[in-house]
Amino acid sequence: MSAADEEYSIYDEVEIEDMTYDAALQSYTYPCPCGDKFEIALADLQDGQDIAVCPSCSLMVRVIFEVDNLPKAPDAAAAPIAVSA
């Protein structure tokens, strides 16, 4: 166990393929033993963070992933802009 694991008290390691991606919320979730879900934002993963937390209890999991395999964040500049006259 690494020093980082001891600092965060990691419950488990989870492959990102086992998590559920919500495109609308731009986040990944995974069932927590407490009945809630571990959550981590796509932006956090893209920034290199790998700890998903459960908002209802103290458990955390390490997400195993490759940054290059993450969904691309929507490009705000490419989105059409509604203009009314």
PDB file of N, CA and C in Angstrom:
ATOM      1  N   MET A   1       0.857  -1.184   0.000  1.00  0.00           N
ATOM      2  CA  MET A   1       0.000   0.000   0.000  1.00  0.00           C
ATOM      3  C   MET A   1       0.892   1.232   0.000  1.00  0.00           C
ATOM      4  N   SER A   2       0.585   2.165  -0.875  1.00  0.00           N
ATOM      5  CA  SER A   2       1.396   3.372  -0.975  1.00  0.00           C
ATOM      6  C   SER A   2       0.996   4.388   0.087  1.00  0.00           C
ATOM      7  N   ALA A   3       1.808   5.395   0.253  1.00  0.00           N
ATOM      8  CA  ALA A   3       1.508   6.456   1.222  1.00  0.00           C
ATOM      9  C   ALA A   3       0.216   7.171   0.847  1.00  0.00           C
ATOM     10  N   ALA A   4      -0.016   7.332  -0.449  1.00  0.00           N
ATOM     11  CA  ALA A   4      -1.248   7.996  -0.892  1.00  0.00           C
ATOM     12  C   ALA A   4      -2.468   7.167  -0.501  1.00  0.00           C
ATOM     13  N   ASP A   5      -2.379   5.836  -0.613  1.00  0.00           N
ATOM     14  CA  ASP A   5      -3.490   4.976  -0.221  1.00  0.00           C
ATOM     15  C   ASP A   5      -3.787   5.128   1.264  1.00  0.00           C
ATOM     16  N   GLU A   6      -2.737   5.218   2.082  1.00  0.00           N
ATOM     17  CA  GLU A   6      -2.926   5.369   3.522  1.00  0.00           C
ATOM     18  C   GLU A   6      -3.543   6.728   3.843  1.00  0.00           C
ATOM     19  N   GLU A   7      -3.140   7.757   3.101  1.00  0.00           N
ATOM     20  CA  GLU A   7      -3.672   9.102   3.331  1.00  0.00           C
ATOM     21  C   GLU A   7      -5.164   9.155   3.000  1.00  0.00           C
ATOM     22  N   TYR A   8      -5.556   8.504   1.894  1.00  0.00           N
ATOM     23  CA  TYR A   8      -6.943   8.542   1.449  1.00  0.00           C
ATOM     24  C   TYR A   8      -7.789   7.389   1.969  1.00  0.00           C
ATOM     25  N   SER A   9      -7.186   6.320   2.484  1.00  0.00           N
ATOM     26  CA  SER A   9      -7.904   5.145   2.951  1.00  0.00           C
ATOM     27  C   SER A   9      -8.812   4.612   1.828  1.00  0.00           C
ATOM     28  N   ILE A  10      -8.165   4.158   0.757  1.00  0.00           N
ATOM     29  CA  ILE A  10      -8.860   3.678  -0.434  1.00  0.00           C
ATOM     30  C   ILE A  10      -9.555   2.351  -0.142  1.00  0.00           C
ATOM     31  N   TYR A  11     -10.849   2.298  -0.442  1.00  0.00           N
ATOM     32  CA  TYR A  11     -11.659   1.100  -0.228  1.00  0.00           C
ATOM     33  C   TYR A  11     -11.342   0.028  -1.272  1.00  0.00           C
ATOM     34  N   ASP A  12     -11.182   0.438  -2.542  1.00  0.00           N
ATOM     35  CA  ASP A  12     -10.975  -0.518  -3.623  1.00  0.00           C
ATOM     36  C   ASP A  12     -10.430   0.217  -4.843  1.00  0.00           C
ATOM     37  N   GLU A  13     -10.014  -0.562  -5.854  1.00  0.00           N
ATOM     38  CA  GLU A  13      -9.639  -0.009  -7.144  1.00  0.00           C
ATOM     39  C   GLU A  13     -10.654  -0.497  -8.163  1.00  0.00           C
ATOM     40  N   VAL A  14     -11.126   0.405  -9.024  1.00  0.00           N
ATOM     41  CA  VAL A  14     -12.183   0.086  -9.980  1.00  0.00           C
ATOM     42  C   VAL A  14     -11.736   0.483 -11.383  1.00  0.00           C
ATOM     43  N   GLU A  15     -11.884  -0.443 -12.330  1.00  0.00           N
ATOM     44  CA  GLU A  15     -11.610  -0.133 -13.730  1.00  0.00           C
ATOM     45  C   GLU A  15     -12.707   0.805 -14.237  1.00  0.00           C
ATOM     46  N   ILE A  16     -12.326   1.811 -15.003  1.00  0.00           N
ATOM     47  CA  ILE A  16     -13.307   2.775 -15.493  1.00  0.00           C
ATOM     48  C   ILE A  16     -14.373   2.100 -16.366  1.00  0.00           C
ATOM     49  N   GLU A  17     -14.007   0.994 -17.002  1.00  0.00           N
ATOM     50  CA  GLU A  17     -14.966   0.258 -17.835  1.00  0.00           C
ATOM     51  C   GLU A  17     -16.110  -0.315 -16.995  1.00  0.00           C
ATOM     52  N   ASP A  18     -15.889  -0.484 -15.690  1.00  0.00           N
ATOM     53  CA  ASP A  18     -16.919  -1.010 -14.795  1.00  0.00           C
ATOM     54  C   ASP A  18     -17.820   0.084 -14.231  1.00  0.00           C
ATOM     55  N   MET A  19     -17.484   1.336 -14.515  1.00  0.00           N
ATOM     56  CA  MET A  19     -18.265   2.463 -14.018  1.00  0.00           C
ATOM     57  C   MET A  19     -19.314   2.869 -15.053  1.00  0.00           C
ATOM     58  N   THR A  20     -20.307   3.629 -14.612  1.00  0.00           N
ATOM     59  CA  THR A  20     -21.356   4.133 -15.496  1.00  0.00           C
ATOM     60  C   THR A  20     -21.072   5.593 -15.807  1.00  0.00           C
ATOM     61  N   TYR A  21     -21.060   5.918 -17.119  1.00  0.00           N
ATOM     62  CA  TYR A  21     -20.800   7.295 -17.542  1.00  0.00           C
ATOM     63  C   TYR A  21     -22.116   8.001 -17.836  1.00  0.00           C
ATOM     64  N   ASP A  22     -22.282   9.186 -17.270  1.00  0.00           N
ATOM     65  CA  ASP A  22     -23.462  10.013 -17.517  1.00  0.00           C
ATOM     66  C   ASP A  22     -23.005  11.216 -18.354  1.00  0.00           C
ATOM     67  N   ALA A  23     -23.333  11.183 -19.651  1.00  0.00           N
ATOM     68  CA  ALA A  23     -22.882  12.244 -20.559  1.00  0.00           C
ATOM     69  C   ALA A  23     -23.472  13.602 -20.190  1.00  0.00           C
ATOM     70  N   ALA A  24     -24.708  13.617 -19.690  1.00  0.00           N
ATOM     71  CA  ALA A  24     -25.340  14.890 -19.328  1.00  0.00           C
ATOM     72  C   ALA A  24     -24.628  15.548 -18.149  1.00  0.00           C
ATOM     73  N   LEU A  25     -24.229  14.746 -17.176  1.00  0.00           N
ATOM     74  CA  LEU A  25     -23.536  15.279 -15.994  1.00  0.00           C
ATOM     75  C   LEU A  25     -22.023  15.298 -16.153  1.00  0.00           C
ATOM     76  N   GLN A  26     -21.520  14.679 -17.239  1.00  0.00           N
ATOM     77  CA  GLN A  26     -20.079  14.589 -17.471  1.00  0.00           C
ATOM     78  C   GLN A  26     -19.374  13.967 -16.263  1.00  0.00           C
ATOM     79  N   SER A  27     -19.928  12.828 -15.772  1.00  0.00           N
ATOM     80  CA  SER A  27     -19.330  12.175 -14.609  1.00  0.00           C
ATOM     81  C   SER A  27     -19.507  10.667 -14.681  1.00  0.00           C
ATOM     82  N   TYR A  28     -18.675   9.973 -13.916  1.00  0.00           N
ATOM     83  CA  TYR A  28     -18.732   8.529 -13.786  1.00  0.00           C
ATOM     84  C   TYR A  28     -19.219   8.178 -12.392  1.00  0.00           C
ATOM     85  N   THR A  29     -19.996   7.091 -12.287  1.00  0.00           N
ATOM     86  CA  THR A  29     -20.457   6.607 -10.987  1.00  0.00           C
ATOM     87  C   THR A  29     -20.220   5.108 -10.880  1.00  0.00           C
ATOM     88  N   TYR A  30     -20.185   4.640  -9.636  1.00  0.00           N
ATOM     89  CA  TYR A  30     -19.995   3.217  -9.349  1.00  0.00           C
ATOM     90  C   TYR A  30     -20.696   2.933  -8.024  1.00  0.00           C
ATOM     91  N   PRO A  31     -21.435   1.817  -7.918  1.00  0.00           N
ATOM     92  CA  PRO A  31     -22.180   1.534  -6.682  1.00  0.00           C
ATOM     93  C   PRO A  31     -21.273   1.437  -5.451  1.00  0.00           C
ATOM     94  N   CYS A  32     -21.704   2.071  -4.373  1.00  0.00           N
ATOM     95  CA  CYS A  32     -21.000   2.022  -3.095  1.00  0.00           C
ATOM     96  C   CYS A  32     -21.723   1.014  -2.196  1.00  0.00           C
ATOM     97  N   PRO A  33     -21.001   0.320  -1.327  1.00  0.00           N
ATOM     98  CA  PRO A  33     -21.646  -0.623  -0.409  1.00  0.00           C
ATOM     99  C   PRO A  33     -22.701   0.014   0.494  1.00  0.00           C
ATOM    100  N   CYS A  34     -22.630   1.338   0.708  1.00  0.00           N
ATOM    101  CA  CYS A  34     -23.599   2.002   1.583  1.00  0.00           C
ATOM    102  C   CYS A  34     -24.955   2.192   0.901  1.00  0.00           C
ATOM    103  N   GLY A  35     -25.015   1.956  -0.419  1.00  0.00           N
ATOM    104  CA  GLY A  35     -26.254   2.126  -1.154  1.00  0.00           C
ATOM    105  C   GLY A  35     -26.254   3.338  -2.066  1.00  0.00           C
ATOM    106  N   ASP A  36     -25.334   4.250  -1.866  1.00  0.00           N
ATOM    107  CA  ASP A  36     -25.202   5.421  -2.732  1.00  0.00           C
ATOM    108  C   ASP A  36     -24.234   5.056  -3.858  1.00  0.00           C
ATOM    109  N   LYS A  37     -23.603   6.046  -4.477  1.00  0.00           N
ATOM    110  CA  LYS A  37     -22.670   5.795  -5.573  1.00  0.00           C
ATOM    111  C   LYS A  37     -21.415   6.640  -5.415  1.00  0.00           C
ATOM    112  N   PHE A  38     -20.266   6.029  -5.731  1.00  0.00           N
ATOM    113  CA  PHE A  38     -19.034   6.789  -5.855  1.00  0.00           C
ATOM    114  C   PHE A  38     -19.184   7.674  -7.082  1.00  0.00           C
ATOM    115  N   GLU A  39     -18.634   8.879  -7.038  1.00  0.00           N
ATOM    116  CA  GLU A  39     -18.743   9.815  -8.161  1.00  0.00           C
ATOM    117  C   GLU A  39     -17.393  10.455  -8.443  1.00  0.00           C
ATOM    118  N   ILE A  40     -17.128  10.656  -9.743  1.00  0.00           N
ATOM    119  CA  ILE A  40     -15.964  11.445 -10.147  1.00  0.00           C
ATOM    120  C   ILE A  40     -16.295  12.116 -11.473  1.00  0.00           C
ATOM    121  N   ALA A  41     -15.958  13.386 -11.582  1.00  0.00           N
ATOM    122  CA  ALA A  41     -16.252  14.167 -12.787  1.00  0.00           C
ATOM    123  C   ALA A  41     -15.241  13.863 -13.883  1.00  0.00           C
ATOM    124  N   LEU A  42     -15.706  13.906 -15.124  1.00  0.00           N
ATOM    125  CA  LEU A  42     -14.833  13.709 -16.276  1.00  0.00           C
ATOM    126  C   LEU A  42     -13.679  14.710 -16.242  1.00  0.00           C
ATOM    127  N   ALA A  43     -13.958  15.952 -15.903  1.00  0.00           N
ATOM    128  CA  ALA A  43     -12.912  16.987 -15.850  1.00  0.00           C
ATOM    129  C   ALA A  43     -11.833  16.630 -14.828  1.00  0.00           C
ATOM    130  N   ASP A  44     -12.244  16.043 -13.698  1.00  0.00           N
ATOM    131  CA  ASP A  44     -11.261  15.639 -12.689  1.00  0.00           C
ATOM    132  C   ASP A  44     -10.362  14.532 -13.233  1.00  0.00           C
ATOM    133  N   LEU A  45     -10.953  13.570 -13.925  1.00  0.00           N
ATOM    134  CA  LEU A  45     -10.163  12.491 -14.523  1.00  0.00           C
ATOM    135  C   LEU A  45      -9.203  13.054 -15.559  1.00  0.00           C
ATOM    136  N   GLN A  46      -9.671  13.984 -16.381  1.00  0.00           N
ATOM    137  CA  GLN A  46      -8.820  14.592 -17.403  1.00  0.00           C
ATOM    138  C   GLN A  46      -7.682  15.390 -16.768  1.00  0.00           C
ATOM    139  N   ASP A  47      -7.884  15.872 -15.542  1.00  0.00           N
ATOM    140  CA  ASP A  47      -6.836  16.593 -14.815  1.00  0.00           C
ATOM    141  C   ASP A  47      -5.903  15.654 -14.068  1.00  0.00           C
ATOM    142  N   GLY A  48      -6.126  14.344 -14.201  1.00  0.00           N
ATOM    143  CA  GLY A  48      -5.241  13.364 -13.581  1.00  0.00           C
ATOM    144  C   GLY A  48      -5.677  12.890 -12.210  1.00  0.00           C
ATOM    145  N   GLN A  49      -6.805  13.372 -11.714  1.00  0.00           N
ATOM    146  CA  GLN A  49      -7.300  12.882 -10.425  1.00  0.00           C
ATOM    147  C   GLN A  49      -7.896  11.492 -10.635  1.00  0.00           C
ATOM    148  N   ASP A  50      -7.716  10.610  -9.656  1.00  0.00           N
ATOM    149  CA  ASP A  50      -8.209   9.243  -9.824  1.00  0.00           C
ATOM    150  C   ASP A  50      -8.980   8.711  -8.614  1.00  0.00           C
ATOM    151  N   ILE A  51      -9.418   9.598  -7.725  1.00  0.00           N
ATOM    152  CA  ILE A  51     -10.146   9.178  -6.533  1.00  0.00           C
ATOM    153  C   ILE A  51     -11.616   9.565  -6.665  1.00  0.00           C
ATOM    154  N   ALA A  52     -12.489   8.541  -6.680  1.00  0.00           N
ATOM    155  CA  ALA A  52     -13.935   8.779  -6.701  1.00  0.00           C
ATOM    156  C   ALA A  52     -14.427   8.663  -5.265  1.00  0.00           C
ATOM    157  N   VAL A  53     -15.286   9.578  -4.858  1.00  0.00           N
ATOM    158  CA  VAL A  53     -15.781   9.597  -3.482  1.00  0.00           C
ATOM    159  C   VAL A  53     -17.284   9.329  -3.442  1.00  0.00           C
ATOM    160  N   CYS A  54     -17.728   8.788  -2.321  1.00  0.00           N
ATOM    161  CA  CYS A  54     -19.149   8.591  -2.083  1.00  0.00           C
ATOM    162  C   CYS A  54     -19.627   9.770  -1.250  1.00  0.00           C
ATOM    163  N   PRO A  55     -20.683  10.460  -1.689  1.00  0.00           N
ATOM    164  CA  PRO A  55     -21.159  11.617  -0.937  1.00  0.00           C
ATOM    165  C   PRO A  55     -21.871  11.259   0.369  1.00  0.00           C
ATOM    166  N   SER A  56     -22.212   9.973   0.544  1.00  0.00           N
ATOM    167  CA  SER A  56     -22.977   9.567   1.733  1.00  0.00           C
ATOM    168  C   SER A  56     -22.142   8.922   2.835  1.00  0.00           C
ATOM    169  N   CYS A  57     -20.942   8.485   2.501  1.00  0.00           N
ATOM    170  CA  CYS A  57     -20.102   7.848   3.531  1.00  0.00           C
ATOM    171  C   CYS A  57     -18.644   8.228   3.294  1.00  0.00           C
ATOM    172  N   SER A  58     -17.739   7.661   4.028  1.00  0.00           N
ATOM    173  CA  SER A  58     -16.333   8.064   3.939  1.00  0.00           C
ATOM    174  C   SER A  58     -15.529   7.232   2.945  1.00  0.00           C
ATOM    175  N   LEU A  59     -16.167   6.307   2.222  1.00  0.00           N
ATOM    176  CA  LEU A  59     -15.419   5.434   1.321  1.00  0.00           C
ATOM    177  C   LEU A  59     -14.985   6.160   0.051  1.00  0.00           C
ATOM    178  N   MET A  60     -13.829   5.726  -0.464  1.00  0.00           N
ATOM    179  CA  MET A  60     -13.273   6.243  -1.706  1.00  0.00           C
ATOM    180  C   MET A  60     -12.712   5.084  -2.500  1.00  0.00           C
ATOM    181  N   VAL A  61     -12.752   5.179  -3.831  1.00  0.00           N
ATOM    182  CA  VAL A  61     -12.127   4.184  -4.690  1.00  0.00           C
ATOM    183  C   VAL A  61     -11.164   4.871  -5.638  1.00  0.00           C
ATOM    184  N   ARG A  62     -10.130   4.122  -6.018  1.00  0.00           N
ATOM    185  CA  ARG A  62      -9.196   4.614  -7.025  1.00  0.00           C
ATOM    186  C   ARG A  62      -9.698   4.127  -8.379  1.00  0.00           C
ATOM    187  N   VAL A  63      -9.807   5.047  -9.331  1.00  0.00           N
ATOM    188  CA  VAL A  63     -10.270   4.713 -10.673  1.00  0.00           C
ATOM    189  C   VAL A  63      -9.057   4.416 -11.548  1.00  0.00           C
ATOM    190  N   ILE A  64      -9.073   3.232 -12.186  1.00  0.00           N
ATOM    191  CA  ILE A  64      -7.994   2.831 -13.078  1.00  0.00           C
ATOM    192  C   ILE A  64      -8.418   3.202 -14.495  1.00  0.00           C
ATOM    193  N   PHE A  65      -7.658   4.084 -15.152  1.00  0.00           N
ATOM    194  CA  PHE A  65      -8.030   4.566 -16.477  1.00  0.00           C
ATOM    195  C   PHE A  65      -6.823   5.114 -17.219  1.00  0.00           C
ATOM    196  N   GLU A  66      -6.996   5.305 -18.524  1.00  0.00           N
ATOM    197  CA  GLU A  66      -6.014   5.967 -19.374  1.00  0.00           C
ATOM    198  C   GLU A  66      -6.645   7.279 -19.839  1.00  0.00           C
ATOM    199  N   VAL A  67      -5.985   8.385 -19.639  1.00  0.00           N
ATOM    200  CA  VAL A  67      -6.524   9.696 -20.018  1.00  0.00           C
ATOM    201  C   VAL A  67      -6.892   9.717 -21.500  1.00  0.00           C
ATOM    202  N   ASP A  68      -6.084   9.067 -22.343  1.00  0.00           N
ATOM    203  CA  ASP A  68      -6.335   9.076 -23.782  1.00  0.00           C
ATOM    204  C   ASP A  68      -7.625   8.359 -24.155  1.00  0.00           C
ATOM    205  N   ASN A  69      -8.141   7.484 -23.275  1.00  0.00           N
ATOM    206  CA  ASN A  69      -9.355   6.723 -23.570  1.00  0.00           C
ATOM    207  C   ASN A  69     -10.628   7.374 -23.027  1.00  0.00           C
ATOM    208  N   LEU A  70     -10.503   8.516 -22.374  1.00  0.00           N
ATOM    209  CA  LEU A  70     -11.677   9.196 -21.819  1.00  0.00           C
ATOM    210  C   LEU A  70     -12.488   9.852 -22.926  1.00  0.00           C
ATOM    211  N   PRO A  71     -13.803  10.013 -22.714  1.00  0.00           N
ATOM    212  CA  PRO A  71     -14.606  10.764 -23.689  1.00  0.00           C
ATOM    213  C   PRO A  71     -14.066  12.188 -23.799  1.00  0.00           C
ATOM    214  N   LYS A  72     -14.164  12.739 -24.968  1.00  0.00           N
ATOM    215  CA  LYS A  72     -13.716  14.118 -25.157  1.00  0.00           C
ATOM    216  C   LYS A  72     -14.748  15.069 -24.561  1.00  0.00           C
ATOM    217  N   ALA A  73     -14.287  16.077 -23.874  1.00  0.00           N
ATOM    218  CA  ALA A  73     -15.188  17.078 -23.300  1.00  0.00           C
ATOM    219  C   ALA A  73     -15.834  17.851 -24.436  1.00  0.00           C
ATOM    220  N   PRO A  74     -17.107  18.201 -24.291  1.00  0.00           N
ATOM    221  CA  PRO A  74     -17.760  18.973 -25.355  1.00  0.00           C
ATOM    222  C   PRO A  74     -17.066  20.315 -25.538  1.00  0.00           C
ATOM    223  N   ASP A  75     -16.887  20.688 -26.776  1.00  0.00           N
ATOM    224  CA  ASP A  75     -16.223  21.948 -27.101  1.00  0.00           C
ATOM    225  C   ASP A  75     -17.273  23.052 -27.182  1.00  0.00           C
ATOM    226  N   ALA A  76     -17.261  23.954 -26.221  1.00  0.00           N
ATOM    227  CA  ALA A  76     -18.265  25.016 -26.150  1.00  0.00           C
ATOM    228  C   ALA A  76     -18.214  25.915 -27.390  1.00  0.00           C
ATOM    229  N   ALA A  77     -17.042  26.100 -27.960  1.00  0.00           N
ATOM    230  CA  ALA A  77     -16.899  26.965 -29.130  1.00  0.00           C
ATOM    231  C   ALA A  77     -17.565  26.343 -30.360  1.00  0.00           C
ATOM    232  N   ALA A  78     -17.666  25.017 -30.402  1.00  0.00           N
ATOM    233  CA  ALA A  78     -18.244  24.344 -31.561  1.00  0.00           C
ATOM    234  C   ALA A  78     -19.763  24.241 -31.464  1.00  0.00           C
ATOM    235  N   ALA A  79     -20.332  24.496 -30.296  1.00  0.00           N
ATOM    236  CA  ALA A  79     -21.769  24.377 -30.113  1.00  0.00           C
ATOM    237  C   ALA A  79     -22.489  25.528 -30.799  1.00  0.00           C
ATOM    238  N   PRO A  80     -23.615  25.226 -31.445  1.00  0.00           N
ATOM    239  CA  PRO A  80     -24.364  26.326 -32.079  1.00  0.00           C
ATOM    240  C   PRO A  80     -24.944  27.271 -31.033  1.00  0.00           C
ATOM    241  N   ILE A  81     -24.970  28.528 -31.352  1.00  0.00           N
ATOM    242  CA  ILE A  81     -25.480  29.547 -30.435  1.00  0.00           C
ATOM    243  C   ILE A  81     -26.784  30.090 -31.012  1.00  0.00           C
ATOM    244  N   ALA A  82     -27.842  30.033 -30.208  1.00  0.00           N
ATOM    245  CA  ALA A  82     -29.131  30.543 -30.656  1.00  0.00           C
ATOM    246  C   ALA A  82     -29.118  32.069 -30.602  1.00  0.00           C
ATOM    247  N   VAL A  83     -29.519  32.679 -31.691  1.00  0.00           N
ATOM    248  CA  VAL A  83     -29.576  34.134 -31.764  1.00  0.00           C
ATOM    249  C   VAL A  83     -30.985  34.528 -32.161  1.00  0.00           C
ATOM    250  N   SER A  84     -31.571  35.415 -31.384  1.00  0.00           N
ATOM    251  CA  SER A  84     -32.922  35.893 -31.737  1.00  0.00           C
ATOM    252  C   SER A  84     -32.842  37.359 -32.128  1.00  0.00           C
ATOM    253  N   ALA A  85     -33.655  37.693 -33.104  1.00  0.00           N
ATOM    254  CA  ALA A  85     -33.618  39.068 -33.595  1.00  0.00           C
ATOM    255  C   ALA A  85     -34.725  39.899 -32.995  1.00  0.00           C
TER     256      ALA A  85
END
